[in-house]
Structure formats: C-alpha cells, structure tokens
Amino acid sequence: MLKSAGGKVMWAGRATVFLVGLAVILALLFGVVSTALSFKVQANEPPMKVNSATRVTDLNADQIDGKDSNAFVTSVWAQVRADGTLLAGKGAAAVQKGGGGYFVKFDRDITNCA
C-alpha cells in the first residue's frame, strides 16, 4: 500500500511539473506574459478615473519620463514690487534694483525669449 501511494505522489509531482512548464511555454509563445497593466479604451475616453487624492507609494505622477513638471514650462515671468523684491514669478531666481530699473535673474537662459 505504501509503495502504491508513493508511486501516485511521484506521478502527481511529475505531472504538475510538466503542466507548469507547458503553461509557461504557452504563455511566452502567445504573449500572455507581458506588461503588468494595460488599458484599451474608446477614442477620446480617459484611460482611468479615480475618486481619491491619496498618493500611492512608488507611483510618481508628478514626473513624465523622469522630468519634473517645471521642465515643461515654456514661459518664465516675474512680478516685482516697487522696492525691488520679487512678489511672484515662474523661473525667476533673483531681482536686483539699480540704474532706474530692475534686473531679474531667471533659472534658465532667456536670450531667445520672444
């Protein structure tokens, strides 16, 4: 009886290994194993909607292709107070008052700005 039970266990083990191997091969052949998440939506429809503002660990939606949102800012500007201090701005790093005007230093080259 023990020998018969042992033989059945061995047969079940070999069959399981065979079936798992076959499943992996079929998955690789037919592309079942691919990206972790995929969306297929109708044209002009959002691919995803959420009802929470909670941040998800290791999901960085503040960057696109590793670039911060500031990398996509196309305009720089500065609003300067009469005393020469910076009130507000985008890309403005510092302000100097002198010679009857204000000199604004920006965090990038603005030589070719229109």
C-alpha atoms as a PDB file:
ATOM      1  CA  MET A   1       0.000   0.000   0.000  1.00  0.00           C
ATOM      2  CA  LEU A   2       2.822   2.429   0.907  1.00  0.00           C
ATOM      3  CA  LYS A   3       4.610   1.692  -2.331  1.00  0.00           C
ATOM      4  CA  SER A   4       1.427   2.368  -4.291  1.00  0.00           C
ATOM      5  CA  ALA A   5       0.803   5.689  -2.513  1.00  0.00           C
ATOM      6  CA  GLY A   6       4.419   6.750  -3.106  1.00  0.00           C
ATOM      7  CA  GLY A   7       4.094   5.981  -6.791  1.00  0.00           C
ATOM      8  CA  LYS A   8       0.961   8.085  -7.029  1.00  0.00           C
ATOM      9  CA  VAL A   9       2.663  11.039  -5.323  1.00  0.00           C
ATOM     10  CA  MET A  10       5.622  10.800  -7.691  1.00  0.00           C
ATOM     11  CA  TRP A  11       3.288  10.627 -10.703  1.00  0.00           C
ATOM     12  CA  ALA A  12       1.330  13.666  -9.460  1.00  0.00           C
ATOM     13  CA  GLY A  13       4.585  15.589  -8.916  1.00  0.00           C
ATOM     14  CA  ARG A  14       5.880  14.826 -12.410  1.00  0.00           C
ATOM     15  CA  ALA A  15       2.513  15.721 -13.965  1.00  0.00           C
ATOM     16  CA  THR A  16       2.468  19.037 -12.068  1.00  0.00           C
ATOM     17  CA  VAL A  17       5.975  19.947 -13.215  1.00  0.00           C
ATOM     18  CA  PHE A  18       5.042  19.082 -16.798  1.00  0.00           C
ATOM     19  CA  LEU A  19       1.832  21.148 -16.719  1.00  0.00           C
ATOM     20  CA  VAL A  20       3.512  24.170 -15.148  1.00  0.00           C
ATOM     21  CA  GLY A  21       6.291  24.048 -17.720  1.00  0.00           C
ATOM     22  CA  LEU A  22       3.767  23.733 -20.536  1.00  0.00           C
ATOM     23  CA  ALA A  23       1.793  26.702 -19.152  1.00  0.00           C
ATOM     24  CA  VAL A  24       4.934  28.874 -19.066  1.00  0.00           C
ATOM     25  CA  ILE A  25       5.884  27.921 -22.629  1.00  0.00           C
ATOM     26  CA  LEU A  26       2.366  28.649 -23.912  1.00  0.00           C
ATOM     27  CA  ALA A  27       2.272  31.961 -22.059  1.00  0.00           C
ATOM     28  CA  LEU A  28       5.559  33.024 -23.634  1.00  0.00           C
ATOM     29  CA  LEU A  29       4.518  31.870 -27.103  1.00  0.00           C
ATOM     30  CA  PHE A  30       1.134  33.575 -27.072  1.00  0.00           C
ATOM     31  CA  GLY A  31       2.182  36.753 -25.289  1.00  0.00           C
ATOM     32  CA  VAL A  32       0.211  36.180 -22.117  1.00  0.00           C
ATOM     33  CA  VAL A  33       3.204  37.295 -20.087  1.00  0.00           C
ATOM     34  CA  SER A  34       3.630  40.981 -20.885  1.00  0.00           C
ATOM     35  CA  THR A  35       3.124  44.292 -19.121  1.00  0.00           C
ATOM     36  CA  ALA A  36       1.652  44.381 -15.648  1.00  0.00           C
ATOM     37  CA  LEU A  37      -1.127  46.756 -16.649  1.00  0.00           C
ATOM     38  CA  SER A  38      -2.744  47.583 -19.946  1.00  0.00           C
ATOM     39  CA  PHE A  39      -5.698  49.809 -20.868  1.00  0.00           C
ATOM     40  CA  LYS A  40      -7.781  49.575 -24.008  1.00  0.00           C
ATOM     41  CA  VAL A  41     -10.327  52.379 -24.254  1.00  0.00           C
ATOM     42  CA  GLN A  42     -12.539  54.001 -26.838  1.00  0.00           C
ATOM     43  CA  ALA A  43     -11.183  57.055 -28.671  1.00  0.00           C
ATOM     44  CA  ASN A  44     -11.391  60.310 -26.677  1.00  0.00           C
ATOM     45  CA  GLU A  45     -12.154  58.458 -23.435  1.00  0.00           C
ATOM     46  CA  PRO A  46      -9.922  58.730 -20.355  1.00  0.00           C
ATOM     47  CA  PRO A  47      -7.997  55.521 -19.676  1.00  0.00           C
ATOM     48  CA  MET A  48      -8.552  55.770 -15.945  1.00  0.00           C
ATOM     49  CA  LYS A  49     -10.624  57.615 -13.337  1.00  0.00           C
ATOM     50  CA  VAL A  50     -10.007  57.755  -9.597  1.00  0.00           C
ATOM     51  CA  ASN A  51     -12.044  59.020  -6.681  1.00  0.00           C
ATOM     52  CA  SER A  52      -9.148  59.681  -4.316  1.00  0.00           C
ATOM     53  CA  ALA A  53      -6.393  62.259  -3.949  1.00  0.00           C
ATOM     54  CA  THR A  54      -4.285  59.915  -1.785  1.00  0.00           C
ATOM     55  CA  ARG A  55      -0.734  59.418  -3.040  1.00  0.00           C
ATOM     56  CA  VAL A  56       0.343  55.883  -3.850  1.00  0.00           C
ATOM     57  CA  THR A  57       3.798  54.790  -2.715  1.00  0.00           C
ATOM     58  CA  ASP A  58       6.228  54.337  -5.641  1.00  0.00           C
ATOM     59  CA  LEU A  59       3.750  55.768  -8.154  1.00  0.00           C
ATOM     60  CA  ASN A  60       5.130  59.137  -9.222  1.00  0.00           C
ATOM     61  CA  ALA A  61       2.580  61.002 -11.284  1.00  0.00           C
ATOM     62  CA  ASP A  62       4.493  64.257 -10.734  1.00  0.00           C
ATOM     63  CA  GLN A  63       7.019  63.344 -13.399  1.00  0.00           C
ATOM     64  CA  ILE A  64       6.860  62.466 -17.077  1.00  0.00           C
ATOM     65  CA  ASP A  65       9.760  60.462 -18.456  1.00  0.00           C
ATOM     66  CA  GLY A  66      11.753  61.340 -15.339  1.00  0.00           C
ATOM     67  CA  LYS A  67      11.252  65.090 -15.793  1.00  0.00           C
ATOM     68  CA  ASP A  68       9.622  67.336 -13.219  1.00  0.00           C
ATOM     69  CA  SER A  69       6.671  69.439 -14.321  1.00  0.00           C
ATOM     70  CA  ASN A  70       8.894  72.553 -14.295  1.00  0.00           C
ATOM     71  CA  ALA A  71      10.848  71.080 -17.209  1.00  0.00           C
ATOM     72  CA  PHE A  72       7.768  71.540 -19.388  1.00  0.00           C
ATOM     73  CA  VAL A  73       7.165  75.180 -18.504  1.00  0.00           C
ATOM     74  CA  THR A  74       7.554  77.187 -21.695  1.00  0.00           C
ATOM     75  CA  SER A  75       7.313  80.680 -20.240  1.00  0.00           C
ATOM     76  CA  VAL A  76       9.112  82.477 -17.457  1.00  0.00           C
ATOM     77  CA  TRP A  77       7.904  85.639 -15.805  1.00  0.00           C
ATOM     78  CA  ALA A  78       8.421  87.817 -12.767  1.00  0.00           C
ATOM     79  CA  GLN A  79       6.292  90.245 -10.812  1.00  0.00           C
ATOM     80  CA  VAL A  80       8.477  92.725  -8.926  1.00  0.00           C
ATOM     81  CA  ARG A  81       7.427  95.035  -6.092  1.00  0.00           C
ATOM     82  CA  ALA A  82       8.300  98.724  -6.256  1.00  0.00           C
ATOM     83  CA  ASP A  83      11.015  98.163  -3.641  1.00  0.00           C
ATOM     84  CA  GLY A  84      12.735  95.659  -5.954  1.00  0.00           C
ATOM     85  CA  THR A  85      11.732  92.451  -4.201  1.00  0.00           C
ATOM     86  CA  LEU A  86      10.232  89.521  -6.047  1.00  0.00           C
ATOM     87  CA  LEU A  87       6.479  89.247  -5.454  1.00  0.00           C
ATOM     88  CA  ALA A  88       5.786  86.247  -7.699  1.00  0.00           C
ATOM     89  CA  GLY A  89       7.145  84.531 -10.747  1.00  0.00           C
ATOM     90  CA  LYS A  90       7.875  81.377 -12.664  1.00  0.00           C
ATOM     91  CA  GLY A  91      11.538  80.679 -13.234  1.00  0.00           C
ATOM     92  CA  ALA A  92      12.627  83.908 -11.532  1.00  0.00           C
ATOM     93  CA  ALA A  93      15.639  83.328  -9.279  1.00  0.00           C
ATOM     94  CA  ALA A  94      16.537  86.820  -8.077  1.00  0.00           C
ATOM     95  CA  VAL A  95      15.862  90.525  -8.597  1.00  0.00           C
ATOM     96  CA  GLN A  96      18.252  93.476  -8.382  1.00  0.00           C
ATOM     97  CA  LYS A  97      17.174  97.100  -8.364  1.00  0.00           C
ATOM     98  CA  GLY A  98      19.531  99.592  -9.912  1.00  0.00           C
ATOM     99  CA  GLY A  99      20.104 102.125 -12.671  1.00  0.00           C
ATOM    100  CA  GLY A 100      16.459 103.187 -12.627  1.00  0.00           C
ATOM    101  CA  GLY A 101      15.153  99.675 -13.283  1.00  0.00           C
ATOM    102  CA  TYR A 102      15.020  96.098 -12.167  1.00  0.00           C
ATOM    103  CA  PHE A 103      17.237  93.238 -13.256  1.00  0.00           C
ATOM    104  CA  VAL A 104      15.597  89.824 -12.974  1.00  0.00           C
ATOM    105  CA  LYS A 105      17.788  86.714 -12.974  1.00  0.00           C
ATOM    106  CA  PHE A 106      15.996  83.620 -14.251  1.00  0.00           C
ATOM    107  CA  ASP A 107      16.888  79.976 -13.640  1.00  0.00           C
ATOM    108  CA  ARG A 108      17.414  79.346 -17.366  1.00  0.00           C
ATOM    109  CA  ASP A 109      18.680  81.118 -20.466  1.00  0.00           C
ATOM    110  CA  ILE A 110      16.104  83.617 -21.742  1.00  0.00           C
ATOM    111  CA  THR A 111      18.225  85.068 -24.537  1.00  0.00           C
ATOM    112  CA  ASN A 112      15.882  83.829 -27.274  1.00  0.00           C
ATOM    113  CA  CYS A 113      12.588  84.561 -25.491  1.00  0.00           C
ATOM    114  CA  ALA A 114      10.053  86.455 -27.555  1.00  0.00           C
END
